[in-house]
Amino acid sequence: MVDHRVQILLDDERYKKVVREAERRGTSIAAVIRDAIDRLPTDLEARRAAIAAILAAEPMPVPQDPADLRRERGARA
C-alpha cells in the first residue's frame, strides 16, 4: 500500500533514463523509482558488507601502543 506522496525534480538526463527504464519494463516511472529505493542497502546490509571487507583485507602491521595509532591518524588528517 502506498501511503506517502513525494515530489522530486529530475534533470533532463535522469528523467529520460527513468522513462526509458519504465518503457523497457512496461511499468510506470513511479514503479521504477520505488524499485530503486527498495534496492538501497539497509543498515544491517551495510554493516555486513563492511565486516566482510575488513575480514577480506590483507593483514598489515599494527603498532602495539594505541598512542602510536593516534599519532599515525593525526599525521594523515
Protein backbone atom coordinates (compact mmCIF):
# COMPACT_ATOMS: atom_id res chain seq x y z
CA MET A 1 0.00 0.00 0.00
CA VAL A 2 1.32 3.41 -0.95
CA ASP A 3 0.90 5.90 1.88
CA HIS A 4 3.05 8.92 1.04
CA ARG A 5 3.26 11.22 -1.94
CA VAL A 6 6.71 12.56 -2.82
CA GLN A 7 7.55 15.15 -5.43
CA ILE A 8 11.07 15.21 -6.91
CA LEU A 9 12.73 17.26 -9.60
CA LEU A 10 14.98 15.49 -12.11
CA ASP A 11 17.31 16.94 -14.68
CA ASP A 12 16.62 16.01 -18.29
CA GLU A 13 19.19 13.20 -18.41
CA ARG A 14 17.84 11.43 -15.30
CA TYR A 15 14.25 11.87 -16.44
CA LYS A 16 14.97 10.32 -19.84
CA LYS A 17 16.82 7.48 -18.15
CA VAL A 18 13.93 6.62 -15.84
CA VAL A 19 11.41 6.95 -18.68
CA ARG A 20 13.45 4.54 -20.84
CA GLU A 21 13.62 2.04 -17.98
CA ALA A 22 9.88 2.30 -17.31
CA GLU A 23 9.17 1.72 -21.00
CA ARG A 24 11.59 -1.22 -21.09
CA ARG A 25 9.84 -2.80 -18.11
CA GLY A 26 6.35 -1.87 -19.24
CA THR A 27 5.65 -0.11 -15.96
CA SER A 28 5.35 3.38 -14.52
CA ILE A 29 8.12 5.82 -13.69
CA ALA A 30 6.97 5.66 -10.06
CA ALA A 31 7.39 1.87 -10.02
CA VAL A 32 10.94 2.21 -11.32
CA ILE A 33 11.78 4.74 -8.63
CA ARG A 34 10.17 2.61 -5.88
CA ASP A 35 12.20 -0.38 -7.08
CA ALA A 36 15.41 1.67 -6.96
CA ILE A 37 14.61 2.70 -3.38
CA ASP A 38 13.92 -0.93 -2.44
CA ARG A 39 17.39 -1.85 -3.70
CA LEU A 40 19.14 0.56 -1.31
CA PRO A 41 21.03 -1.38 1.35
CA THR A 42 19.67 -1.49 4.87
CA ASP A 43 21.90 -0.57 7.81
CA LEU A 44 22.35 -4.27 8.52
CA GLU A 45 23.41 -4.98 4.94
CA ALA A 46 25.87 -2.07 5.02
CA ARG A 47 27.35 -3.33 8.29
CA ARG A 48 27.69 -6.86 6.93
CA ALA A 49 29.41 -5.54 3.81
CA ALA A 50 31.83 -3.50 5.95
CA ILE A 51 32.63 -6.53 8.12
CA ALA A 52 33.19 -8.67 5.02
CA ALA A 53 35.56 -6.04 3.59
CA ILE A 54 37.51 -5.87 6.85
CA LEU A 55 37.80 -9.64 7.06
CA ALA A 56 38.90 -9.85 3.42
CA ALA A 57 41.61 -7.21 3.84
CA GLU A 58 45.25 -8.21 3.66
CA PRO A 59 46.97 -8.38 7.06
CA MET A 60 49.05 -5.32 7.95
CA PRO A 61 51.38 -4.38 10.77
CA VAL A 62 49.69 -2.69 13.71
CA PRO A 63 51.60 -0.85 16.44
CA GLN A 64 51.41 -2.36 19.93
CA ASP A 65 50.87 1.03 21.58
CA PRO A 66 47.49 2.69 20.85
CA ALA A 67 49.20 6.09 21.17
CA ASP A 68 51.19 5.22 18.03
CA LEU A 69 47.92 4.67 16.18
CA ARG A 70 46.62 8.04 17.32
CA ARG A 71 49.82 9.76 16.17
CA GLU A 72 49.59 7.97 12.79
CA ARG A 73 45.97 9.07 12.39
CA GLY A 74 46.89 12.67 13.26
CA ALA A 75 49.68 12.65 10.68
CA ARG A 76 47.18 11.75 7.92
CA ALA A 77 44.49 14.23 8.95
